[in-house]
Amino acid sequence: VKNLPNLKKLNVERNPFPDSKEEEEVQDDPIK
């Protein structure tokens, strides 16, 4: 799901991810 080719927005806020990095990864600026 994360790697869908045309995906622009993925809202995963307020889920009990065991590691907060999970939410950060899918919402981070893709430009490093």
Full PDB file with SEQRES, HELIX, SHEET, SSBOND, CRYST1, ORIGX, SCALE, CONECT and MASTER records, all heavy atoms in Angstrom:
SEQRES   1 A   32  VAL LYS ASN LEU PRO ASN LEU LYS LYS LEU ASN VAL GLU          
SEQRES   2 A   32  ARG ASN PRO PHE PRO ASP SER LYS GLU GLU GLU GLU VAL          
SEQRES   3 A   32  GLN ASP ASP PRO ILE LYS                                      
HELIX    1 AA1 LYS A   21  GLN A   27  1                                   7    
CRYST1    1.000    1.000    1.000  90.00  90.00  90.00 P 1           1          
ORIGX1      1.000000  0.000000  0.000000        0.00000                         
ORIGX2      0.000000  1.000000  0.000000        0.00000                         
ORIGX3      0.000000  0.000000  1.000000        0.00000                         
SCALE1      1.000000  0.000000  0.000000        0.00000                         
SCALE2      0.000000  1.000000  0.000000        0.00000                         
SCALE3      0.000000  0.000000  1.000000        0.00000                         
ATOM      1  N   VAL A   1       0.838  -1.201   0.000  1.00  0.00           N  
ATOM      2  CA  VAL A   1       0.000   0.000   0.000  1.00  0.00           C  
ATOM      3  C   VAL A   1       0.872   1.250   0.000  1.00  0.00           C  
ATOM      4  O   VAL A   1       0.630   2.193  -0.751  1.00  0.00           O  
ATOM      5  CB  VAL A   1      -0.950   0.005   1.216  1.00  0.00           C  
ATOM      6  CG1 VAL A   1      -1.714   1.328   1.310  1.00  0.00           C  
ATOM      7  CG2 VAL A   1      -1.943  -1.154   1.114  1.00  0.00           C  
ATOM      8  N   LYS A   2       1.903   1.268   0.826  1.00  0.00           N  
ATOM      9  CA  LYS A   2       2.804   2.424   0.892  1.00  0.00           C  
ATOM     10  C   LYS A   2       3.448   2.724  -0.466  1.00  0.00           C  
ATOM     11  O   LYS A   2       3.689   3.879  -0.809  1.00  0.00           O  
ATOM     12  CB  LYS A   2       3.925   2.170   1.903  1.00  0.00           C  
ATOM     13  CG  LYS A   2       3.514   2.190   3.350  1.00  0.00           C  
ATOM     14  CD  LYS A   2       4.751   1.981   4.211  1.00  0.00           C  
ATOM     15  CE  LYS A   2       4.424   1.884   5.669  1.00  0.00           C  
ATOM     16  NZ  LYS A   2       5.633   1.634   6.491  1.00  0.00           N  
ATOM     17  N   ASN A   3       3.720   1.667  -1.224  1.00  0.00           N  
ATOM     18  CA  ASN A   3       4.466   1.821  -2.479  1.00  0.00           C  
ATOM     19  C   ASN A   3       3.584   1.917  -3.715  1.00  0.00           C  
ATOM     20  O   ASN A   3       4.083   1.747  -4.836  1.00  0.00           O  
ATOM     21  CB  ASN A   3       5.448   0.652  -2.642  1.00  0.00           C  
ATOM     22  CG  ASN A   3       6.528   0.657  -1.580  1.00  0.00           C  
ATOM     23  OD1 ASN A   3       6.875   1.709  -1.040  1.00  0.00           O  
ATOM     24  ND2 ASN A   3       7.059  -0.511  -1.267  1.00  0.00           N  
ATOM     25  N   LEU A   4       2.294   2.176  -3.528  1.00  0.00           N  
ATOM     26  CA  LEU A   4       1.423   2.332  -4.700  1.00  0.00           C  
ATOM     27  C   LEU A   4       1.975   3.438  -5.596  1.00  0.00           C  
ATOM     28  O   LEU A   4       2.307   4.526  -5.109  1.00  0.00           O  
ATOM     29  CB  LEU A   4      -0.002   2.668  -4.252  1.00  0.00           C  
ATOM     30  CG  LEU A   4      -0.816   1.484  -3.712  1.00  0.00           C  
ATOM     31  CD1 LEU A   4      -2.090   1.967  -3.027  1.00  0.00           C  
ATOM     32  CD2 LEU A   4      -1.160   0.525  -4.837  1.00  0.00           C  
ATOM     33  N   PRO A   5       2.069   3.202  -6.892  1.00  0.00           N  
ATOM     34  CA  PRO A   5       2.786   4.118  -7.800  1.00  0.00           C  
ATOM     35  C   PRO A   5       2.216   5.532  -7.892  1.00  0.00           C  
ATOM     36  O   PRO A   5       2.963   6.479  -8.104  1.00  0.00           O  
ATOM     37  CB  PRO A   5       2.699   3.407  -9.153  1.00  0.00           C  
ATOM     38  CG  PRO A   5       1.520   2.498  -9.040  1.00  0.00           C  
ATOM     39  CD  PRO A   5       1.516   2.040  -7.622  1.00  0.00           C  
ATOM     40  N   ASN A   6       0.897   5.698  -7.720  1.00  0.00           N  
ATOM     41  CA  ASN A   6       0.293   7.019  -7.875  1.00  0.00           C  
ATOM     42  C   ASN A   6      -0.131   7.658  -6.553  1.00  0.00           C  
ATOM     43  O   ASN A   6      -0.784   8.701  -6.547  1.00  0.00           O  
ATOM     44  CB  ASN A   6      -0.928   6.926  -8.800  1.00  0.00           C  
ATOM     45  CG  ASN A   6      -0.545   6.566 -10.222  1.00  0.00           C  
ATOM     46  OD1 ASN A   6       0.305   7.212 -10.829  1.00  0.00           O  
ATOM     47  ND2 ASN A   6      -1.153   5.518 -10.762  1.00  0.00           N  
ATOM     48  N   LEU A   7       0.240   7.029  -5.438  1.00  0.00           N  
ATOM     49  CA  LEU A   7      -0.200   7.510  -4.135  1.00  0.00           C  
ATOM     50  C   LEU A   7       0.422   8.862  -3.788  1.00  0.00           C  
ATOM     51  O   LEU A   7       1.635   9.032  -3.826  1.00  0.00           O  
ATOM     52  CB  LEU A   7       0.157   6.489  -3.060  1.00  0.00           C  
ATOM     53  CG  LEU A   7      -0.506   6.684  -1.695  1.00  0.00           C  
ATOM     54  CD1 LEU A   7      -2.018   6.572  -1.805  1.00  0.00           C  
ATOM     55  CD2 LEU A   7       0.031   5.669  -0.690  1.00  0.00           C  
ATOM     56  N   LYS A   8      -0.449   9.848  -3.463  1.00  0.00           N  
ATOM     57  CA  LYS A   8      -0.003  11.194  -3.100  1.00  0.00           C  
ATOM     58  C   LYS A   8      -0.241  11.492  -1.625  1.00  0.00           C  
ATOM     59  O   LYS A   8       0.535  12.211  -0.999  1.00  0.00           O  
ATOM     60  CB  LYS A   8      -0.744  12.234  -3.952  1.00  0.00           C  
ATOM     61  CG  LYS A   8      -0.587  12.050  -5.462  1.00  0.00           C  
ATOM     62  CD  LYS A   8       0.851  12.189  -5.909  1.00  0.00           C  
ATOM     63  CE  LYS A   8       0.969  12.034  -7.420  1.00  0.00           C  
ATOM     64  NZ  LYS A   8       2.372  12.073  -7.869  1.00  0.00           N  
ATOM     65  N   LYS A   9      -1.333  10.964  -1.066  1.00  0.00           N  
ATOM     66  CA  LYS A   9      -1.680  11.249   0.326  1.00  0.00           C  
ATOM     67  C   LYS A   9      -2.074   9.969   1.045  1.00  0.00           C  
ATOM     68  O   LYS A   9      -2.886   9.203   0.547  1.00  0.00           O  
ATOM     69  CB  LYS A   9      -2.830  12.257   0.408  1.00  0.00           C  
ATOM     70  CG  LYS A   9      -2.487  13.637  -0.109  1.00  0.00           C  
ATOM     71  CD  LYS A   9      -3.670  14.586   0.004  1.00  0.00           C  
ATOM     72  CE  LYS A   9      -3.332  15.970  -0.536  1.00  0.00           C  
ATOM     73  NZ  LYS A   9      -4.500  16.891  -0.451  1.00  0.00           N  
ATOM     74  N   LEU A  10      -1.481   9.766   2.212  1.00  0.00           N  
ATOM     75  CA  LEU A  10      -1.794   8.612   3.047  1.00  0.00           C  
ATOM     76  C   LEU A  10      -1.950   9.109   4.478  1.00  0.00           C  
ATOM     77  O   LEU A  10      -0.979   9.460   5.131  1.00  0.00           O  
ATOM     78  CB  LEU A  10      -0.676   7.566   2.946  1.00  0.00           C  
ATOM     79  CG  LEU A  10      -0.795   6.338   3.836  1.00  0.00           C  
ATOM     80  CD1 LEU A  10      -2.116   5.616   3.595  1.00  0.00           C  
ATOM     81  CD2 LEU A  10       0.368   5.390   3.590  1.00  0.00           C  
ATOM     82  N   ASN A  11      -3.193   9.164   4.957  1.00  0.00           N  
ATOM     83  CA  ASN A  11      -3.484   9.683   6.291  1.00  0.00           C  
ATOM     84  C   ASN A  11      -3.600   8.522   7.266  1.00  0.00           C  
ATOM     85  O   ASN A  11      -4.556   7.756   7.219  1.00  0.00           O  
ATOM     86  CB  ASN A  11      -4.794  10.488   6.264  1.00  0.00           C  
ATOM     87  CG  ASN A  11      -5.068  11.196   7.578  1.00  0.00           C  
ATOM     88  OD1 ASN A  11      -4.421  10.952   8.587  1.00  0.00           O  
ATOM     89  ND2 ASN A  11      -6.042  12.086   7.572  1.00  0.00           N  
ATOM     90  N   VAL A  12      -2.611   8.363   8.160  1.00  0.00           N  
ATOM     91  CA  VAL A  12      -2.612   7.276   9.141  1.00  0.00           C  
ATOM     92  C   VAL A  12      -2.609   7.816  10.572  1.00  0.00           C  
ATOM     93  O   VAL A  12      -2.233   7.115  11.507  1.00  0.00           O  
ATOM     94  CB  VAL A  12      -1.397   6.350   8.931  1.00  0.00           C  
ATOM     95  CG1 VAL A  12      -1.458   5.658   7.594  1.00  0.00           C  
ATOM     96  CG2 VAL A  12      -0.091   7.144   9.060  1.00  0.00           C  
ATOM     97  N   GLU A  13      -3.049   9.034  10.748  1.00  0.00           N  
ATOM     98  CA  GLU A  13      -3.021   9.659  12.068  1.00  0.00           C  
ATOM     99  C   GLU A  13      -3.863   8.890  13.089  1.00  0.00           C  
ATOM    100  O   GLU A  13      -4.867   8.270  12.757  1.00  0.00           O  
ATOM    101  CB  GLU A  13      -3.521  11.103  11.971  1.00  0.00           C  
ATOM    102  CG  GLU A  13      -2.592  12.015  11.190  1.00  0.00           C  
ATOM    103  CD  GLU A  13      -3.101  13.446  11.138  1.00  0.00           C  
ATOM    104  OE1 GLU A  13      -4.199  13.696  11.665  1.00  0.00           O  
ATOM    105  OE2 GLU A  13      -2.407  14.299  10.559  1.00  0.00           O  
ATOM    106  N   ARG A  14      -3.409   8.936  14.332  1.00  0.00           N  
ATOM    107  CA  ARG A  14      -4.112   8.360  15.478  1.00  0.00           C  
ATOM    108  C   ARG A  14      -4.360   6.854  15.320  1.00  0.00           C  
ATOM    109  O   ARG A  14      -5.484   6.378  15.445  1.00  0.00           O  
ATOM    110  CB  ARG A  14      -5.422   9.107  15.746  1.00  0.00           C  
ATOM    111  CG  ARG A  14      -5.209  10.558  16.156  1.00  0.00           C  
ATOM    112  CD  ARG A  14      -6.516  11.294  16.344  1.00  0.00           C  
ATOM    113  NE  ARG A  14      -7.277  11.374  15.114  1.00  0.00           N  
ATOM    114  CZ  ARG A  14      -7.049  12.268  14.143  1.00  0.00           C  
ATOM    115  NH1 ARG A  14      -6.080  13.159  14.286  1.00  0.00           N  
ATOM    116  NH2 ARG A  14      -7.778  12.285  13.049  1.00  0.00           N  
ATOM    117  N   ASN A  15      -3.275   6.140  15.028  1.00  0.00           N  
ATOM    118  CA  ASN A  15      -3.267   4.684  15.060  1.00  0.00           C  
ATOM    119  C   ASN A  15      -2.198   4.251  16.067  1.00  0.00           C  
ATOM    120  O   ASN A  15      -1.193   4.950  16.239  1.00  0.00           O  
ATOM    121  CB  ASN A  15      -2.947   4.097  13.679  1.00  0.00           C  
ATOM    122  CG  ASN A  15      -4.168   4.023  12.781  1.00  0.00           C  
ATOM    123  OD1 ASN A  15      -5.019   3.159  12.937  1.00  0.00           O  
ATOM    124  ND2 ASN A  15      -4.257   4.945  11.840  1.00  0.00           N  
ATOM    125  N   PRO A  16      -2.373   3.119  16.745  1.00  0.00           N  
ATOM    126  CA  PRO A  16      -1.418   2.693  17.788  1.00  0.00           C  
ATOM    127  C   PRO A  16      -0.183   1.989  17.241  1.00  0.00           C  
ATOM    128  O   PRO A  16       0.107   0.850  17.594  1.00  0.00           O  
ATOM    129  CB  PRO A  16      -2.266   1.739  18.643  1.00  0.00           C  
ATOM    130  CG  PRO A  16      -3.202   1.117  17.661  1.00  0.00           C  
ATOM    131  CD  PRO A  16      -3.550   2.219  16.683  1.00  0.00           C  
ATOM    132  N   PHE A  17       0.565   2.675  16.380  1.00  0.00           N  
ATOM    133  CA  PHE A  17       1.783   2.083  15.851  1.00  0.00           C  
ATOM    134  C   PHE A  17       2.762   1.829  16.994  1.00  0.00           C  
ATOM    135  O   PHE A  17       2.957   2.703  17.852  1.00  0.00           O  
ATOM    136  CB  PHE A  17       2.427   3.001  14.815  1.00  0.00           C  
ATOM    137  CG  PHE A  17       1.592   3.185  13.570  1.00  0.00           C  
ATOM    138  CD1 PHE A  17       1.137   4.441  13.190  1.00  0.00           C  
ATOM    139  CD2 PHE A  17       1.265   2.100  12.782  1.00  0.00           C  
ATOM    140  CE1 PHE A  17       0.373   4.611  12.055  1.00  0.00           C  
ATOM    141  CE2 PHE A  17       0.500   2.265  11.632  1.00  0.00           C  
ATOM    142  CZ  PHE A  17       0.054   3.512  11.268  1.00  0.00           C  
ATOM    143  N   PRO A  18       3.406   0.661  17.027  1.00  0.00           N  
ATOM    144  CA  PRO A  18       4.352   0.362  18.106  1.00  0.00           C  
ATOM    145  C   PRO A  18       5.549   1.299  18.115  1.00  0.00           C  
ATOM    146  O   PRO A  18       6.134   1.567  19.146  1.00  0.00           O  
ATOM    147  CB  PRO A  18       4.773  -1.087  17.827  1.00  0.00           C  
ATOM    148  CG  PRO A  18       4.502  -1.277  16.364  1.00  0.00           C  
ATOM    149  CD  PRO A  18       3.281  -0.446  16.071  1.00  0.00           C  
ATOM    150  N   ASP A  19       5.900   1.815  16.949  1.00  0.00           N  
ATOM    151  CA  ASP A  19       7.019   2.743  16.821  1.00  0.00           C  
ATOM    152  C   ASP A  19       6.497   3.981  16.119  1.00  0.00           C  
ATOM    153  O   ASP A  19       5.930   3.903  15.038  1.00  0.00           O  
ATOM    154  CB  ASP A  19       8.148   2.112  15.998  1.00  0.00           C  
ATOM    155  CG  ASP A  19       9.401   2.964  16.002  1.00  0.00           C  
ATOM    156  OD1 ASP A  19       9.294   4.170  16.285  1.00  0.00           O  
ATOM    157  OD2 ASP A  19      10.484   2.420  15.712  1.00  0.00           O  
ATOM    158  N   SER A  20       6.662   5.137  16.717  1.00  0.00           N  
ATOM    159  CA  SER A  20       6.134   6.367  16.131  1.00  0.00           C  
ATOM    160  C   SER A  20       6.723   6.642  14.759  1.00  0.00           C  
ATOM    161  O   SER A  20       6.170   7.405  13.974  1.00  0.00           O  
ATOM    162  CB  SER A  20       6.418   7.564  17.048  1.00  0.00           C  
ATOM    163  OG  SER A  20       7.816   7.721  17.245  1.00  0.00           O  
ATOM    164  N   LYS A  21       7.857   6.015  14.423  1.00  0.00           N  
ATOM    165  CA  LYS A  21       8.483   6.238  13.124  1.00  0.00           C  
ATOM    166  C   LYS A  21       7.589   5.741  11.991  1.00  0.00           C  
ATOM    167  O   LYS A  21       7.699   6.199  10.860  1.00  0.00           O  
ATOM    168  CB  LYS A  21       9.840   5.532  13.052  1.00  0.00           C  
ATOM    169  CG  LYS A  21      10.904   6.167  13.933  1.00  0.00           C  
ATOM    170  CD  LYS A  21      12.224   5.453  13.766  1.00  0.00           C  
ATOM    171  CE  LYS A  21      13.307   6.098  14.628  1.00  0.00           C  
ATOM    172  NZ  LYS A  21      14.606   5.403  14.483  1.00  0.00           N  
ATOM    173  N   GLU A  22       6.706   4.785  12.290  1.00  0.00           N  
ATOM    174  CA  GLU A  22       5.810   4.244  11.256  1.00  0.00           C  
ATOM    175  C   GLU A  22       4.981   5.358  10.653  1.00  0.00           C  
ATOM    176  O   GLU A  22       4.867   5.488   9.438  1.00  0.00           O  
ATOM    177  CB  GLU A  22       4.890   3.192  11.876  1.00  0.00           C  
ATOM    178  CG  GLU A  22       3.832   2.645  10.933  1.00  0.00           C  
ATOM    179  CD  GLU A  22       4.365   1.596  10.008  1.00  0.00           C  
ATOM    180  OE1 GLU A  22       5.378   0.959  10.360  1.00  0.00           O  
ATOM    181  OE2 GLU A  22       3.797   1.404   8.922  1.00  0.00           O  
ATOM    182  N   GLU A  23       4.387   6.192  11.516  1.00  0.00           N  
ATOM    183  CA  GLU A  23       3.558   7.285  11.022  1.00  0.00           C  
ATOM    184  C   GLU A  23       4.419   8.336  10.348  1.00  0.00           C  
ATOM    185  O   GLU A  23       4.045   8.907   9.337  1.00  0.00           O  
ATOM    186  CB  GLU A  23       2.767   7.911  12.170  1.00  0.00           C  
ATOM    187  CG  GLU A  23       1.842   9.028  11.728  1.00  0.00           C  
ATOM    188  CD  GLU A  23       0.919   9.507  12.838  1.00  0.00           C  
ATOM    189  OE1 GLU A  23       0.860   8.850  13.883  1.00  0.00           O  
ATOM    190  OE2 GLU A  23       0.272  10.548  12.636  1.00  0.00           O  
ATOM    191  N   GLU A  24       5.603   8.591  10.903  1.00  0.00           N  
ATOM    192  CA  GLU A  24       6.484   9.603  10.322  1.00  0.00           C  
ATOM    193  C   GLU A  24       6.913   9.212   8.914  1.00  0.00           C  
ATOM    194  O   GLU A  24       6.985  10.033   8.019  1.00  0.00           O  
ATOM    195  CB  GLU A  24       7.717   9.787  11.209  1.00  0.00           C  
ATOM    196  CG  GLU A  24       7.390  10.438  12.555  1.00  0.00           C  
ATOM    197  CD  GLU A  24       8.626  10.525  13.438  1.00  0.00           C  
ATOM    198  OE1 GLU A  24       9.713  10.136  12.962  1.00  0.00           O  
ATOM    199  OE2 GLU A  24       8.494  10.968  14.583  1.00  0.00           O  
ATOM    200  N   GLU A  25       7.188   7.927   8.708  1.00  0.00           N  
ATOM    201  CA  GLU A  25       7.682   7.462   7.418  1.00  0.00           C  
ATOM    202  C   GLU A  25       6.689   7.704   6.294  1.00  0.00           C  
ATOM    203  O   GLU A  25       7.062   8.111   5.203  1.00  0.00           O  
ATOM    204  CB  GLU A  25       8.006   5.964   7.495  1.00  0.00           C  
ATOM    205  CG  GLU A  25       9.292   5.667   8.236  1.00  0.00           C  
ATOM    206  CD  GLU A  25       9.536   4.169   8.326  1.00  0.00           C  
ATOM    207  OE1 GLU A  25       8.718   3.420   7.757  1.00  0.00           O  
ATOM    208  OE2 GLU A  25      10.516   3.769   8.965  1.00  0.00           O  
ATOM    209  N   VAL A  26       5.395   7.442   6.565  1.00  0.00           N  
ATOM    210  CA  VAL A  26       4.414   7.561   5.500  1.00  0.00           C  
ATOM    211  C   VAL A  26       3.958   8.986   5.278  1.00  0.00           C  
ATOM    212  O   VAL A  26       3.274   9.278   4.299  1.00  0.00           O  
ATOM    213  CB  VAL A  26       3.181   6.665   5.780  1.00  0.00           C  
ATOM    214  CG1 VAL A  26       3.580   5.220   5.791  1.00  0.00           C  
ATOM    215  CG2 VAL A  26       2.502   7.054   7.079  1.00  0.00           C  
ATOM    216  N   GLN A  27       4.314   9.909   6.190  1.00  0.00           N  
ATOM    217  CA  GLN A  27       3.885  11.283   6.020  1.00  0.00           C  
ATOM    218  C   GLN A  27       5.047  12.244   5.807  1.00  0.00           C  
ATOM    219  O   GLN A  27       4.871  13.434   5.600  1.00  0.00           O  
ATOM    220  CB  GLN A  27       3.061  11.728   7.237  1.00  0.00           C  
ATOM    221  CG  GLN A  27       1.799  10.895   7.410  1.00  0.00           C  
ATOM    222  CD  GLN A  27       0.791  11.563   8.318  1.00  0.00           C  
ATOM    223  OE1 GLN A  27       0.532  12.749   8.191  1.00  0.00           O  
ATOM    224  NE2 GLN A  27       0.210  10.812   9.209  1.00  0.00           N  
ATOM    225  N   ASP A  28       6.266  11.718   5.881  1.00  0.00           N  
ATOM    226  CA  ASP A  28       7.430  12.574   5.717  1.00  0.00           C  
ATOM    227  C   ASP A  28       7.524  13.145   4.308  1.00  0.00           C  
ATOM    228  O   ASP A  28       7.007  12.583   3.348  1.00  0.00           O  
ATOM    229  CB  ASP A  28       8.705  11.768   5.991  1.00  0.00           C  
ATOM    230  CG  ASP A  28       9.372  12.199   7.285  1.00  0.00           C  
ATOM    231  OD1 ASP A  28       8.981  13.248   7.809  1.00  0.00           O  
ATOM    232  OD2 ASP A  28      10.270  11.473   7.757  1.00  0.00           O  
ATOM    233  N   ASP A  29       8.212  14.279   4.217  1.00  0.00           N  
ATOM    234  CA  ASP A  29       8.524  14.852   2.920  1.00  0.00           C  
ATOM    235  C   ASP A  29       9.366  13.830   2.148  1.00  0.00           C  
ATOM    236  O   ASP A  29      10.410  13.387   2.639  1.00  0.00           O  
ATOM    237  CB  ASP A  29       9.317  16.149   3.144  1.00  0.00           C  
ATOM    238  CG  ASP A  29       9.699  16.815   1.832  1.00  0.00           C  
ATOM    239  OD1 ASP A  29       9.306  16.332   0.758  1.00  0.00           O  
ATOM    240  OD2 ASP A  29      10.400  17.826   1.903  1.00  0.00           O  
ATOM    241  N   PRO A  30       8.933  13.412   0.951  1.00  0.00           N  
ATOM    242  CA  PRO A  30       9.683  12.401   0.214  1.00  0.00           C  
ATOM    243  C   PRO A  30      11.047  12.881  -0.266  1.00  0.00           C  
ATOM    244  O   PRO A  30      11.892  12.082  -0.625  1.00  0.00           O  
ATOM    245  CB  PRO A  30       8.772  12.098  -0.987  1.00  0.00           C  
ATOM    246  CG  PRO A  30       7.955  13.338  -1.160  1.00  0.00           C  
ATOM    247  CD  PRO A  30       7.739  13.852   0.232  1.00  0.00           C  
ATOM    248  N   ILE A  31      11.282  14.198  -0.269  1.00  0.00           N  
ATOM    249  CA  ILE A  31      12.562  14.738  -0.713  1.00  0.00           C  
ATOM    250  C   ILE A  31      13.543  14.726   0.452  1.00  0.00           C  
ATOM    251  O   ILE A  31      13.324  15.365   1.478  1.00  0.00           O  
ATOM    252  CB  ILE A  31      12.417  16.189  -1.230  1.00  0.00           C  
ATOM    253  CG1 ILE A  31      11.422  16.227  -2.401  1.00  0.00           C  
ATOM    254  CG2 ILE A  31      13.768  16.743  -1.661  1.00  0.00           C  
ATOM    255  CD1 ILE A  31      11.145  17.621  -2.890  1.00  0.00           C  
ATOM    256  N   LYS A  32      14.597  13.975   0.338  1.00  0.00           N  
ATOM    257  CA  LYS A  32      15.603  13.884   1.383  1.00  0.00           C  
ATOM    258  C   LYS A  32      16.647  14.977   1.176  1.00  0.00           C  
ATOM    259  O   LYS A  32      17.256  15.081   0.123  1.00  0.00           O  
ATOM    260  CB  LYS A  32      16.277  12.507   1.356  1.00  0.00           C  
ATOM    261  CG  LYS A  32      15.292  11.343   1.490  1.00  0.00           C  
ATOM    262  CD  LYS A  32      14.532  11.401   2.784  1.00  0.00           C  
ATOM    263  CE  LYS A  32      13.563  10.230   2.894  1.00  0.00           C  
ATOM    264  NZ  LYS A  32      12.738  10.289   4.106  1.00  0.00           N  
TER     265      LYS A  32                                                      
MASTER        0    0    0    1    0    0    0    6  264    1    0    3          
END                                                                             
